[in-house]
Amino acid sequence: MAAVLSPIIPFPNIDWWKLVTANEHVLWDEAEHFEKMTYRNRYYVTGPNGLVQLSIPLQNGRNQRCTMRDVLISNRDRWQIQQWRTLVSVYNRSPFFSFYAMSLEPVFLQPYERLIDFNMASIQWLKQQLKLSFTEETISEYKKVYDNNTLDIRRSLKPGKEKDDLQGTAPYYQLFSERNGFLPNLSMLDLLFSEGPQSLHTLKTMV
């Protein structure tokens, strides 16, 4: 089993969880530089009209020139309330949304200054719901290359494949699929709200 070297991203997608589930240890890289147009400040869910992108607004917009641990959230707008309301609107009729809503809502009510703090809160919430027990370590100094025992996914899992990359994502019940077709590799929230406690079993069948 390899260690997974990962960026700290919000509500990671199914591909990310497949990799982590297949391994025992995760290295969080807080020393890497922020990259725009990546999952570092966004995640995707389904919606009545197709793919919905939920982004965390940043101070200085996308023009960040600093490490991930120093990226600050712009809290001028009520982005957390807006995102929570979007999730409620989209998933309120899903089989298990009400089962998780009470414990998930505080993630969106707590104030955050740093991007990695919100991202990590979202990851830890999902880890708890999935009942996973992988070990974790935070990397505070950037290193470009790691040995062969470390699976470096910092430059992989790029956004933009959700609509057309079906490989490795077994279809499960998904809201609006009769209208949109099955949308693969969304945030793990989508699978969790659809399959509840069976989500981990479904995830392992995809590995």
N, C-alpha and C. Protein backbone atom coordinates (compact mmCIF):
# COMPACT_ATOMS: atom_id res chain seq x y z
N MET A 1 0.83 -1.19 0.00
CA MET A 1 0.00 0.00 0.00
C MET A 1 0.88 1.25 0.00
N ALA A 2 0.55 2.22 -0.84
CA ALA A 2 1.31 3.46 -0.92
C ALA A 2 0.64 4.53 -0.09
N ALA A 3 1.44 5.54 0.26
CA ALA A 3 0.86 6.75 0.84
C ALA A 3 0.37 7.63 -0.30
N VAL A 4 -0.70 8.34 -0.08
CA VAL A 4 -1.25 9.25 -1.08
C VAL A 4 -0.86 10.67 -0.70
N LEU A 5 -0.16 11.36 -1.60
CA LEU A 5 0.20 12.76 -1.40
C LEU A 5 -0.85 13.61 -2.10
N SER A 6 -1.60 14.37 -1.32
CA SER A 6 -2.78 15.03 -1.86
C SER A 6 -2.81 16.52 -1.54
N PRO A 7 -3.37 17.31 -2.46
CA PRO A 7 -3.74 18.67 -2.09
C PRO A 7 -4.92 18.61 -1.12
N ILE A 8 -5.15 19.69 -0.41
CA ILE A 8 -6.26 19.75 0.53
C ILE A 8 -7.42 20.42 -0.20
N ILE A 9 -8.40 19.61 -0.60
CA ILE A 9 -9.47 20.10 -1.47
C ILE A 9 -10.83 19.93 -0.79
N PRO A 10 -11.82 20.74 -1.13
CA PRO A 10 -13.11 20.67 -0.45
C PRO A 10 -14.00 19.54 -0.98
N PHE A 11 -14.63 18.83 -0.06
CA PHE A 11 -15.57 17.76 -0.41
C PHE A 11 -15.09 16.97 -1.63
N PRO A 12 -13.96 16.26 -1.50
CA PRO A 12 -13.33 15.61 -2.65
C PRO A 12 -14.28 14.70 -3.43
N ASN A 13 -13.92 14.52 -4.71
CA ASN A 13 -14.78 13.73 -5.60
C ASN A 13 -14.55 12.24 -5.42
N ILE A 14 -15.32 11.47 -6.14
CA ILE A 14 -15.30 10.02 -5.99
C ILE A 14 -13.95 9.43 -6.37
N ASP A 15 -13.33 9.93 -7.44
CA ASP A 15 -12.01 9.42 -7.82
C ASP A 15 -11.01 9.58 -6.68
N TRP A 16 -11.06 10.70 -6.00
CA TRP A 16 -10.15 10.95 -4.88
C TRP A 16 -10.37 9.92 -3.78
N TRP A 17 -11.61 9.69 -3.42
CA TRP A 17 -11.90 8.73 -2.35
C TRP A 17 -11.56 7.31 -2.75
N LYS A 18 -11.68 6.98 -4.02
CA LYS A 18 -11.26 5.66 -4.49
C LYS A 18 -9.78 5.44 -4.21
N LEU A 19 -8.96 6.45 -4.50
CA LEU A 19 -7.51 6.34 -4.27
C LEU A 19 -7.20 6.22 -2.79
N VAL A 20 -7.85 7.04 -1.98
CA VAL A 20 -7.57 7.02 -0.55
C VAL A 20 -8.03 5.72 0.09
N THR A 21 -9.18 5.22 -0.34
CA THR A 21 -9.71 3.97 0.22
C THR A 21 -8.78 2.80 -0.07
N ALA A 22 -8.09 2.85 -1.20
CA ALA A 22 -7.19 1.75 -1.59
C ALA A 22 -5.84 1.83 -0.89
N ASN A 23 -5.62 2.87 -0.10
CA ASN A 23 -4.34 3.06 0.58
C ASN A 23 -4.58 3.31 2.07
N GLU A 24 -3.49 3.42 2.82
CA GLU A 24 -3.62 3.47 4.27
C GLU A 24 -3.20 4.80 4.88
N HIS A 25 -2.53 5.64 4.11
CA HIS A 25 -1.93 6.85 4.69
C HIS A 25 -2.07 8.00 3.71
N VAL A 26 -2.44 9.18 4.21
CA VAL A 26 -2.58 10.37 3.37
C VAL A 26 -1.63 11.45 3.86
N LEU A 27 -0.87 12.01 2.93
CA LEU A 27 0.00 13.15 3.20
C LEU A 27 -0.67 14.41 2.67
N TRP A 28 -0.98 15.34 3.55
CA TRP A 28 -1.61 16.60 3.13
C TRP A 28 -0.53 17.63 2.85
N ASP A 29 -0.50 18.14 1.62
CA ASP A 29 0.52 19.13 1.26
C ASP A 29 -0.05 20.54 1.43
N GLU A 30 0.29 21.17 2.55
CA GLU A 30 -0.14 22.55 2.76
C GLU A 30 0.90 23.55 2.29
N ALA A 31 2.04 23.05 1.81
CA ALA A 31 3.13 23.93 1.38
C ALA A 31 3.14 24.16 -0.13
N GLU A 32 2.34 23.41 -0.87
CA GLU A 32 2.27 23.63 -2.31
C GLU A 32 1.63 24.98 -2.60
N HIS A 33 1.89 25.51 -3.79
CA HIS A 33 1.27 26.77 -4.19
C HIS A 33 -0.14 26.53 -4.72
N PHE A 34 -1.00 27.48 -4.43
CA PHE A 34 -2.37 27.41 -4.93
C PHE A 34 -2.35 27.41 -6.46
N GLU A 35 -3.19 26.57 -7.06
CA GLU A 35 -3.34 26.55 -8.51
C GLU A 35 -4.78 26.86 -8.87
N LYS A 36 -4.98 27.87 -9.70
CA LYS A 36 -6.33 28.22 -10.11
C LYS A 36 -6.88 27.18 -11.09
N MET A 37 -8.19 27.17 -11.23
CA MET A 37 -8.89 26.25 -12.13
C MET A 37 -8.66 24.79 -11.75
N THR A 38 -8.51 24.53 -10.45
CA THR A 38 -8.38 23.16 -9.96
C THR A 38 -9.41 22.93 -8.86
N TYR A 39 -9.38 21.72 -8.29
CA TYR A 39 -10.31 21.39 -7.22
C TYR A 39 -9.96 22.07 -5.89
N ARG A 40 -8.92 22.83 -5.82
CA ARG A 40 -8.48 23.37 -4.54
C ARG A 40 -9.48 24.33 -3.90
N ASN A 41 -10.34 24.93 -4.70
CA ASN A 41 -11.38 25.78 -4.10
C ASN A 41 -12.75 25.56 -4.76
N ARG A 42 -13.00 24.34 -5.22
CA ARG A 42 -14.29 24.06 -5.84
C ARG A 42 -14.64 22.58 -5.77
N TYR A 43 -15.92 22.32 -5.85
CA TYR A 43 -16.41 20.94 -5.93
C TYR A 43 -17.68 20.95 -6.76
N TYR A 44 -18.09 19.76 -7.20
CA TYR A 44 -19.19 19.65 -8.15
C TYR A 44 -20.28 18.71 -7.63
N VAL A 45 -21.52 19.12 -7.85
CA VAL A 45 -22.67 18.28 -7.51
C VAL A 45 -23.61 18.27 -8.71
N THR A 46 -24.66 17.48 -8.62
CA THR A 46 -25.65 17.47 -9.69
C THR A 46 -26.70 18.54 -9.45
N GLY A 47 -27.51 18.78 -10.45
CA GLY A 47 -28.59 19.74 -10.34
C GLY A 47 -29.63 19.47 -11.41
N PRO A 48 -30.78 20.10 -11.35
CA PRO A 48 -31.83 19.83 -12.33
C PRO A 48 -31.43 20.16 -13.76
N ASN A 49 -30.46 21.06 -13.92
CA ASN A 49 -30.01 21.44 -15.26
C ASN A 49 -28.61 20.94 -15.58
N GLY A 50 -28.12 19.98 -14.79
CA GLY A 50 -26.80 19.41 -15.06
C GLY A 50 -25.81 19.71 -13.95
N LEU A 51 -24.54 19.78 -14.34
CA LEU A 51 -23.45 19.94 -13.39
C LEU A 51 -23.52 21.29 -12.69
N VAL A 52 -23.33 21.29 -11.37
CA VAL A 52 -23.32 22.51 -10.57
C VAL A 52 -21.96 22.66 -9.92
N GLN A 53 -21.29 23.77 -10.19
CA GLN A 53 -19.99 24.05 -9.57
C GLN A 53 -20.19 24.95 -8.36
N LEU A 54 -19.63 24.53 -7.22
CA LEU A 54 -19.67 25.33 -6.00
C LEU A 54 -18.24 25.75 -5.67
N SER A 55 -17.99 27.05 -5.68
CA SER A 55 -16.63 27.58 -5.50
C SER A 55 -16.53 28.38 -4.22
N ILE A 56 -15.39 28.28 -3.57
CA ILE A 56 -15.11 29.08 -2.39
C ILE A 56 -14.40 30.35 -2.85
N PRO A 57 -14.98 31.53 -2.62
CA PRO A 57 -14.35 32.77 -3.08
C PRO A 57 -13.10 33.09 -2.28
N LEU A 58 -12.10 33.63 -2.96
CA LEU A 58 -10.81 33.89 -2.33
C LEU A 58 -10.48 35.37 -2.34
N GLN A 59 -9.74 35.79 -1.33
CA GLN A 59 -9.20 37.14 -1.37
C GLN A 59 -8.20 37.23 -2.52
N ASN A 60 -8.23 38.33 -3.25
CA ASN A 60 -7.44 38.50 -4.47
C ASN A 60 -7.93 37.60 -5.60
N GLY A 61 -9.14 37.08 -5.46
CA GLY A 61 -9.70 36.24 -6.51
C GLY A 61 -8.84 35.01 -6.75
N ARG A 62 -8.65 34.68 -8.01
CA ARG A 62 -7.83 33.51 -8.36
C ARG A 62 -6.36 33.86 -8.49
N ASN A 63 -6.01 35.13 -8.27
CA ASN A 63 -4.63 35.57 -8.46
C ASN A 63 -3.80 35.35 -7.20
N GLN A 64 -3.83 34.15 -6.71
CA GLN A 64 -3.09 33.81 -5.51
C GLN A 64 -1.64 33.52 -5.86
N ARG A 65 -0.73 34.08 -5.06
CA ARG A 65 0.70 33.84 -5.26
C ARG A 65 1.31 33.33 -3.96
N CYS A 66 0.65 32.38 -3.35
CA CYS A 66 1.12 31.93 -2.04
C CYS A 66 0.85 30.44 -1.87
N THR A 67 1.36 29.91 -0.78
CA THR A 67 1.14 28.50 -0.48
C THR A 67 -0.30 28.27 -0.04
N MET A 68 -0.72 27.05 -0.13
CA MET A 68 -2.10 26.72 0.24
C MET A 68 -2.43 27.12 1.67
N ARG A 69 -1.49 26.96 2.58
CA ARG A 69 -1.79 27.29 3.97
C ARG A 69 -2.02 28.78 4.19
N ASP A 70 -1.62 29.61 3.21
CA ASP A 70 -1.77 31.06 3.34
C ASP A 70 -2.90 31.63 2.50
N VAL A 71 -3.61 30.79 1.77
CA VAL A 71 -4.71 31.28 0.94
C VAL A 71 -5.90 31.62 1.84
N LEU A 72 -6.40 32.84 1.69
CA LEU A 72 -7.47 33.34 2.55
C LEU A 72 -8.79 33.39 1.79
N ILE A 73 -9.85 33.06 2.49
CA ILE A 73 -11.20 33.10 1.93
C ILE A 73 -11.73 34.53 1.95
N SER A 74 -12.45 34.89 0.92
CA SER A 74 -13.17 36.17 0.91
C SER A 74 -14.57 35.94 1.47
N ASN A 75 -14.84 36.52 2.61
CA ASN A 75 -16.12 36.31 3.27
C ASN A 75 -17.06 37.51 3.14
N ARG A 76 -16.84 38.32 2.10
CA ARG A 76 -17.71 39.47 1.88
C ARG A 76 -19.14 39.03 1.56
N ASP A 77 -19.24 37.99 0.76
CA ASP A 77 -20.55 37.44 0.42
C ASP A 77 -20.86 36.24 1.31
N ARG A 78 -22.10 35.92 1.42
CA ARG A 78 -22.52 34.81 2.28
C ARG A 78 -22.41 33.49 1.53
N TRP A 79 -21.20 33.16 1.11
CA TRP A 79 -20.99 32.00 0.24
C TRP A 79 -21.36 30.70 0.95
N GLN A 80 -21.09 30.60 2.25
CA GLN A 80 -21.41 29.36 2.96
C GLN A 80 -22.92 29.13 3.01
N ILE A 81 -23.66 30.18 3.33
CA ILE A 81 -25.12 30.06 3.36
C ILE A 81 -25.65 29.73 1.98
N GLN A 82 -25.09 30.37 0.96
CA GLN A 82 -25.54 30.13 -0.41
C GLN A 82 -25.28 28.68 -0.83
N GLN A 83 -24.10 28.16 -0.48
CA GLN A 83 -23.79 26.79 -0.86
C GLN A 83 -24.67 25.80 -0.09
N TRP A 84 -24.90 26.08 1.18
CA TRP A 84 -25.76 25.18 1.95
C TRP A 84 -27.16 25.17 1.38
N ARG A 85 -27.67 26.33 1.02
CA ARG A 85 -29.01 26.40 0.44
C ARG A 85 -29.07 25.68 -0.90
N THR A 86 -27.98 25.74 -1.66
CA THR A 86 -27.94 25.00 -2.92
C THR A 86 -28.03 23.51 -2.66
N LEU A 87 -27.26 23.02 -1.69
CA LEU A 87 -27.31 21.59 -1.38
C LEU A 87 -28.69 21.17 -0.90
N VAL A 88 -29.31 21.98 -0.06
CA VAL A 88 -30.66 21.67 0.41
C VAL A 88 -31.63 21.63 -0.76
N SER A 89 -31.54 22.62 -1.64
CA SER A 89 -32.45 22.70 -2.78
C SER A 89 -32.28 21.50 -3.71
N VAL A 90 -31.03 21.13 -3.96
CA VAL A 90 -30.75 20.04 -4.90
C VAL A 90 -31.06 18.68 -4.30
N TYR A 91 -30.64 18.45 -3.05
CA TYR A 91 -30.65 17.09 -2.50
C TYR A 91 -31.75 16.82 -1.48
N ASN A 92 -32.62 17.77 -1.25
CA ASN A 92 -33.63 17.58 -0.21
C ASN A 92 -34.49 16.34 -0.44
N ARG A 93 -34.64 15.93 -1.70
CA ARG A 93 -35.46 14.75 -2.01
C ARG A 93 -34.62 13.48 -2.20
N SER A 94 -33.33 13.58 -2.00
CA SER A 94 -32.50 12.38 -2.13
C SER A 94 -32.74 11.46 -0.94
N PRO A 95 -32.46 10.17 -1.08
CA PRO A 95 -32.82 9.21 -0.02
C PRO A 95 -32.21 9.49 1.35
N PHE A 96 -30.98 10.05 1.40
CA PHE A 96 -30.29 10.15 2.68
C PHE A 96 -29.88 11.56 3.07
N PHE A 97 -30.34 12.58 2.35
CA PHE A 97 -29.93 13.94 2.72
C PHE A 97 -30.35 14.28 4.14
N SER A 98 -31.58 13.98 4.49
CA SER A 98 -32.07 14.32 5.83
C SER A 98 -31.31 13.57 6.92
N PHE A 99 -30.77 12.40 6.58
CA PHE A 99 -30.00 11.60 7.52
C PHE A 99 -28.70 12.30 7.91
N TYR A 100 -28.11 13.04 6.97
CA TYR A 100 -26.81 13.69 7.20
C TYR A 100 -26.90 15.19 7.43
N ALA A 101 -28.02 15.80 7.13
CA ALA A 101 -28.11 17.27 7.12
C ALA A 101 -27.75 17.90 8.46
N MET A 102 -28.20 17.33 9.55
CA MET A 102 -27.99 17.95 10.85
C MET A 102 -26.50 18.03 11.20
N SER A 103 -25.73 17.01 10.87
CA SER A 103 -24.30 17.03 11.19
C SER A 103 -23.49 17.80 10.15
N LEU A 104 -24.01 17.90 8.92
CA LEU A 104 -23.29 18.61 7.87
C LEU A 104 -23.46 20.12 7.95
N GLU A 105 -24.62 20.57 8.34
CA GLU A 105 -24.88 22.02 8.33
C GLU A 105 -23.86 22.83 9.13
N PRO A 106 -23.39 22.37 10.30
CA PRO A 106 -22.39 23.15 11.04
C PRO A 106 -21.10 23.40 10.27
N VAL A 107 -20.75 22.52 9.33
CA VAL A 107 -19.57 22.76 8.50
C VAL A 107 -19.73 24.06 7.72
N PHE A 108 -20.96 24.39 7.36
CA PHE A 108 -21.24 25.60 6.59
C PHE A 108 -21.58 26.80 7.48
N LEU A 109 -21.75 26.59 8.76
CA LEU A 109 -22.06 27.69 9.67
C LEU A 109 -20.83 28.23 10.38
N GLN A 110 -19.83 27.37 10.56
CA GLN A 110 -18.61 27.80 11.24
C GLN A 110 -17.83 28.78 10.37
N PRO A 111 -17.30 29.87 10.95
CA PRO A 111 -16.51 30.82 10.15
C PRO A 111 -15.11 30.27 9.87
N TYR A 112 -14.60 30.59 8.69
CA TYR A 112 -13.25 30.17 8.29
C TYR A 112 -12.52 31.36 7.68
N GLU A 113 -11.24 31.45 7.95
CA GLU A 113 -10.41 32.47 7.31
C GLU A 113 -9.55 31.86 6.22
N ARG A 114 -9.00 30.68 6.49
CA ARG A 114 -8.11 30.04 5.53
C ARG A 114 -8.87 28.99 4.72
N LEU A 115 -8.50 28.89 3.45
CA LEU A 115 -9.14 27.90 2.57
C LEU A 115 -8.93 26.49 3.09
N ILE A 116 -7.72 26.17 3.53
CA ILE A 116 -7.45 24.79 3.94
C ILE A 116 -8.26 24.40 5.17
N ASP A 117 -8.68 25.36 5.97
CA ASP A 117 -9.46 25.02 7.16
C ASP A 117 -10.87 24.56 6.77
N PHE A 118 -11.49 25.26 5.83
CA PHE A 118 -12.79 24.78 5.34
C PHE A 118 -12.63 23.46 4.62
N ASN A 119 -11.62 23.37 3.75
CA ASN A 119 -11.41 22.14 3.00
C ASN A 119 -11.21 20.94 3.92
N MET A 120 -10.37 21.13 4.95
CA MET A 120 -10.10 20.02 5.85
C MET A 120 -11.34 19.66 6.67
N ALA A 121 -12.12 20.64 7.06
CA ALA A 121 -13.36 20.34 7.79
C ALA A 121 -14.29 19.49 6.94
N SER A 122 -14.35 19.78 5.65
CA SER A 122 -15.21 19.01 4.76
C SER A 122 -14.69 17.58 4.59
N ILE A 123 -13.38 17.43 4.49
CA ILE A 123 -12.79 16.10 4.34
C ILE A 123 -13.03 15.26 5.60
N GLN A 124 -12.78 15.86 6.75
CA GLN A 124 -12.94 15.12 8.00
C GLN A 124 -14.39 14.73 8.24
N TRP A 125 -15.32 15.58 7.81
CA TRP A 125 -16.73 15.22 7.95
C TRP A 125 -17.05 14.00 7.09
N LEU A 126 -16.59 14.01 5.85
CA LEU A 126 -16.84 12.87 4.97
C LEU A 126 -16.15 11.60 5.47
N LYS A 127 -14.92 11.75 5.95
CA LYS A 127 -14.20 10.60 6.49
C LYS A 127 -14.98 9.96 7.64
N GLN A 128 -15.54 10.80 8.50
CA GLN A 128 -16.31 10.29 9.63
C GLN A 128 -17.58 9.58 9.17
N GLN A 129 -18.26 10.15 8.20
CA GLN A 129 -19.51 9.52 7.73
C GLN A 129 -19.24 8.19 7.03
N LEU A 130 -18.11 8.11 6.34
CA LEU A 130 -17.75 6.88 5.63
C LEU A 130 -17.12 5.84 6.55
N LYS A 131 -16.80 6.28 7.79
CA LYS A 131 -16.17 5.40 8.79
C LYS A 131 -14.83 4.85 8.29
N LEU A 132 -14.05 5.74 7.69
CA LEU A 132 -12.71 5.38 7.24
C LEU A 132 -11.70 5.66 8.35
N SER A 133 -10.58 4.96 8.32
CA SER A 133 -9.60 5.09 9.40
C SER A 133 -8.17 5.27 8.88
N PHE A 134 -8.01 5.81 7.68
CA PHE A 134 -6.66 6.02 7.18
C PHE A 134 -5.92 7.03 8.07
N THR A 135 -4.60 6.85 8.17
CA THR A 135 -3.79 7.77 8.95
C THR A 135 -3.43 8.98 8.11
N GLU A 136 -3.07 10.08 8.79
CA GLU A 136 -2.85 11.34 8.10
C GLU A 136 -1.59 12.03 8.62
N GLU A 137 -0.98 12.82 7.73
CA GLU A 137 0.21 13.59 8.09
C GLU A 137 0.23 14.86 7.25
N THR A 138 0.57 15.98 7.87
CA THR A 138 0.63 17.25 7.17
C THR A 138 2.06 17.57 6.77
N ILE A 139 2.26 17.91 5.50
CA ILE A 139 3.57 18.26 4.97
C ILE A 139 3.71 19.77 4.96
N SER A 140 4.67 20.30 5.71
CA SER A 140 4.82 21.74 5.87
C SER A 140 5.92 22.34 5.00
N GLU A 141 6.71 21.49 4.35
CA GLU A 141 7.76 21.97 3.44
C GLU A 141 7.55 21.34 2.07
N TYR A 142 7.54 22.17 1.05
CA TYR A 142 7.25 21.67 -0.30
C TYR A 142 8.39 20.80 -0.82
N LYS A 143 8.00 19.73 -1.46
CA LYS A 143 8.94 18.82 -2.11
C LYS A 143 8.35 18.42 -3.44
N LYS A 144 9.09 18.61 -4.51
CA LYS A 144 8.55 18.38 -5.85
C LYS A 144 8.40 16.91 -6.17
N VAL A 145 9.38 16.10 -5.80
CA VAL A 145 9.39 14.69 -6.19
C VAL A 145 9.47 13.81 -4.94
N TYR A 146 8.66 12.76 -4.94
CA TYR A 146 8.65 11.79 -3.84
C TYR A 146 9.05 10.41 -4.37
N ASP A 147 9.33 9.48 -3.46
CA ASP A 147 9.76 8.15 -3.87
C ASP A 147 8.57 7.35 -4.41
N ASN A 148 8.89 6.15 -4.89
CA ASN A 148 7.87 5.32 -5.54
C ASN A 148 6.81 4.79 -4.59
N ASN A 149 7.04 4.91 -3.29
CA ASN A 149 6.05 4.46 -2.32
C ASN A 149 4.98 5.51 -2.04
N THR A 150 5.11 6.65 -2.70
CA THR A 150 4.15 7.74 -2.51
C THR A 150 3.42 8.02 -3.81
N LEU A 151 2.12 7.95 -3.77
CA LEU A 151 1.29 8.23 -4.93
C LEU A 151 0.95 9.72 -4.92
N ASP A 152 1.59 10.47 -5.79
CA ASP A 152 1.44 11.92 -5.84
C ASP A 152 0.27 12.29 -6.76
N ILE A 153 -0.81 12.80 -6.18
CA ILE A 153 -1.98 13.17 -6.98
C ILE A 153 -2.20 14.69 -7.00
N ARG A 154 -1.16 15.44 -6.69
CA ARG A 154 -1.31 16.89 -6.64
C ARG A 154 -1.60 17.50 -8.00
N ARG A 155 -1.19 16.85 -9.07
CA ARG A 155 -1.41 17.40 -10.41
C ARG A 155 -2.44 16.60 -11.20
N SER A 156 -3.09 15.67 -10.55
CA SER A 156 -4.10 14.87 -11.25
C SER A 156 -5.49 15.25 -10.76
N LEU A 157 -6.49 14.48 -11.15
CA LEU A 157 -7.88 14.74 -10.77
C LEU A 157 -8.31 16.14 -11.18
N LYS A 158 -8.06 16.48 -12.42
CA LYS A 158 -8.40 17.82 -12.92
C LYS A 158 -9.90 17.96 -13.15
N PRO A 159 -10.46 19.14 -12.87
CA PRO A 159 -11.87 19.37 -13.20
C PRO A 159 -12.09 19.33 -14.71
N GLY A 160 -13.33 19.10 -15.09
CA GLY A 160 -13.67 19.13 -16.50
C GLY A 160 -14.00 17.78 -17.09
N LYS A 161 -13.74 16.70 -16.33
CA LYS A 161 -14.00 15.36 -16.85
C LYS A 161 -15.32 14.79 -16.34
N GLU A 162 -16.02 15.53 -15.50
CA GLU A 162 -17.20 14.99 -14.84
C GLU A 162 -18.27 14.53 -15.82
N LYS A 163 -18.40 15.22 -16.94
CA LYS A 163 -19.46 14.90 -17.88
C LYS A 163 -19.13 13.74 -18.81
N ASP A 164 -17.83 13.53 -19.07
CA ASP A 164 -17.51 12.57 -20.12
C ASP A 164 -16.58 11.44 -19.70
N ASP A 165 -16.17 11.39 -18.44
CA ASP A 165 -15.27 10.33 -18.01
C ASP A 165 -16.04 9.32 -17.16
N LEU A 166 -16.54 8.28 -17.80
CA LEU A 166 -17.31 7.26 -17.09
C LEU A 166 -16.44 6.12 -16.59
N GLN A 167 -15.18 6.08 -17.00
CA GLN A 167 -14.32 4.95 -16.67
C GLN A 167 -14.13 4.85 -15.15
N GLY A 168 -14.44 3.71 -14.60
CA GLY A 168 -14.17 3.45 -13.20
C GLY A 168 -15.21 3.96 -12.24
N THR A 169 -16.22 4.66 -12.72
CA THR A 169 -17.28 5.15 -11.84
C THR A 169 -18.56 4.40 -12.15
N ALA A 170 -18.84 3.37 -11.37
CA ALA A 170 -20.04 2.58 -11.60
C ALA A 170 -21.27 3.42 -11.31
N PRO A 171 -22.22 3.47 -12.23
CA PRO A 171 -23.43 4.27 -11.98
C PRO A 171 -24.18 3.80 -10.73
N TYR A 172 -24.68 4.74 -10.00
CA TYR A 172 -25.52 4.48 -8.85
C TYR A 172 -26.75 5.38 -9.00
N TYR A 173 -27.74 5.22 -8.15
CA TYR A 173 -28.91 6.08 -8.25
C TYR A 173 -28.49 7.53 -8.06
N GLN A 174 -28.89 8.39 -8.97
CA GLN A 174 -28.50 9.80 -8.92
C GLN A 174 -29.70 10.67 -9.28
N LEU A 175 -29.92 11.69 -8.49
CA LEU A 175 -31.01 12.61 -8.78
C LEU A 175 -30.85 13.22 -10.17
N PHE A 176 -31.94 13.42 -10.85
CA PHE A 176 -31.99 14.09 -12.15
C PHE A 176 -31.34 13.29 -13.28
N SER A 177 -31.03 12.01 -13.03
CA SER A 177 -30.38 11.22 -14.08
C SER A 177 -31.29 11.00 -15.28
N GLU A 178 -32.60 11.01 -15.05
CA GLU A 178 -33.52 10.85 -16.17
C GLU A 178 -33.47 12.05 -17.10
N ARG A 179 -32.99 13.18 -16.59
CA ARG A 179 -32.88 14.40 -17.39
C ARG A 179 -31.45 14.64 -17.89
N ASN A 180 -30.48 14.40 -17.01
CA ASN A 180 -29.08 14.73 -17.32
C ASN A 180 -28.25 13.53 -17.74
N GLY A 181 -28.79 12.31 -17.58
CA GLY A 181 -27.93 11.15 -17.67
C GLY A 181 -27.11 11.05 -16.40
N PHE A 182 -26.31 10.01 -16.28
CA PHE A 182 -25.48 9.84 -15.08
C PHE A 182 -24.25 10.73 -15.18
N LEU A 183 -24.01 11.53 -14.15
CA LEU A 183 -22.83 12.41 -14.09
C LEU A 183 -21.79 11.75 -13.18
N PRO A 184 -20.68 11.28 -13.73
CA PRO A 184 -19.69 10.57 -12.92
C PRO A 184 -18.78 11.51 -12.15
N ASN A 185 -18.15 10.97 -11.12
CA ASN A 185 -17.06 11.63 -10.41
C ASN A 185 -17.44 12.98 -9.82
N LEU A 186 -18.64 13.06 -9.27
CA LEU A 186 -19.02 14.27 -8.53
C LEU A 186 -18.42 14.21 -7.12
N SER A 187 -18.68 15.24 -6.35
CA SER A 187 -18.28 15.21 -4.94
C SER A 187 -18.87 13.98 -4.27
N MET A 188 -18.13 13.46 -3.30
CA MET A 188 -18.62 12.32 -2.54
C MET A 188 -19.98 12.60 -1.89
N LEU A 189 -20.32 13.87 -1.71
CA LEU A 189 -21.63 14.20 -1.17
C LEU A 189 -22.74 13.57 -2.00
N ASP A 190 -22.57 13.55 -3.31
CA ASP A 190 -23.60 13.02 -4.20
C ASP A 190 -23.86 11.55 -3.93
N LEU A 191 -22.80 10.76 -3.83
CA LEU A 191 -22.95 9.33 -3.53
C LEU A 191 -23.51 9.13 -2.13
N LEU A 192 -23.02 9.89 -1.18
CA LEU A 192 -23.47 9.74 0.21
C LEU A 192 -24.96 10.03 0.36
N PHE A 193 -25.43 11.08 -0.27
CA PHE A 193 -26.86 11.42 -0.17
C PHE A 193 -27.73 10.40 -0.90
N SER A 194 -27.16 9.69 -1.86
CA SER A 194 -27.92 8.69 -2.61
C SER A 194 -27.94 7.33 -1.92
N GLU A 195 -26.79 6.92 -1.35
CA GLU A 195 -26.68 5.55 -0.84
C GLU A 195 -26.44 5.46 0.65
N GLY A 196 -26.20 6.57 1.30
CA GLY A 196 -26.08 6.57 2.75
C GLY A 196 -24.99 5.65 3.27
N PRO A 197 -25.27 4.85 4.31
CA PRO A 197 -24.26 3.98 4.91
C PRO A 197 -23.67 2.95 3.94
N GLN A 198 -24.31 2.70 2.81
CA GLN A 198 -23.78 1.75 1.83
C GLN A 198 -22.75 2.39 0.90
N SER A 199 -22.48 3.68 1.08
CA SER A 199 -21.60 4.40 0.16
C SER A 199 -20.19 3.82 0.12
N LEU A 200 -19.66 3.45 1.28
CA LEU A 200 -18.31 2.91 1.30
C LEU A 200 -18.24 1.59 0.54
N HIS A 201 -19.24 0.74 0.71
CA HIS A 201 -19.28 -0.52 -0.04
C HIS A 201 -19.31 -0.24 -1.54
N THR A 202 -20.14 0.70 -1.96
CA THR A 202 -20.21 1.06 -3.38
C THR A 202 -18.87 1.60 -3.86
N LEU A 203 -18.24 2.42 -3.05
CA LEU A 203 -16.95 2.99 -3.41
C LEU A 203 -15.90 1.91 -3.61
N LYS A 204 -15.88 0.92 -2.74
CA LYS A 204 -14.88 -0.14 -2.84
C LYS A 204 -15.08 -1.01 -4.07
N THR A 205 -16.30 -1.10 -4.57
CA THR A 205 -16.53 -1.86 -5.80
C THR A 205 -15.98 -1.13 -7.01
N MET A 206 -15.71 0.17 -6.87
CA MET A 206 -15.17 0.96 -7.97
C MET A 206 -13.65 0.93 -8.01
N VAL A 207 -13.01 0.52 -6.91
CA VAL A 207 -11.54 0.57 -6.83
C VAL A 207 -10.93 -0.47 -7.74
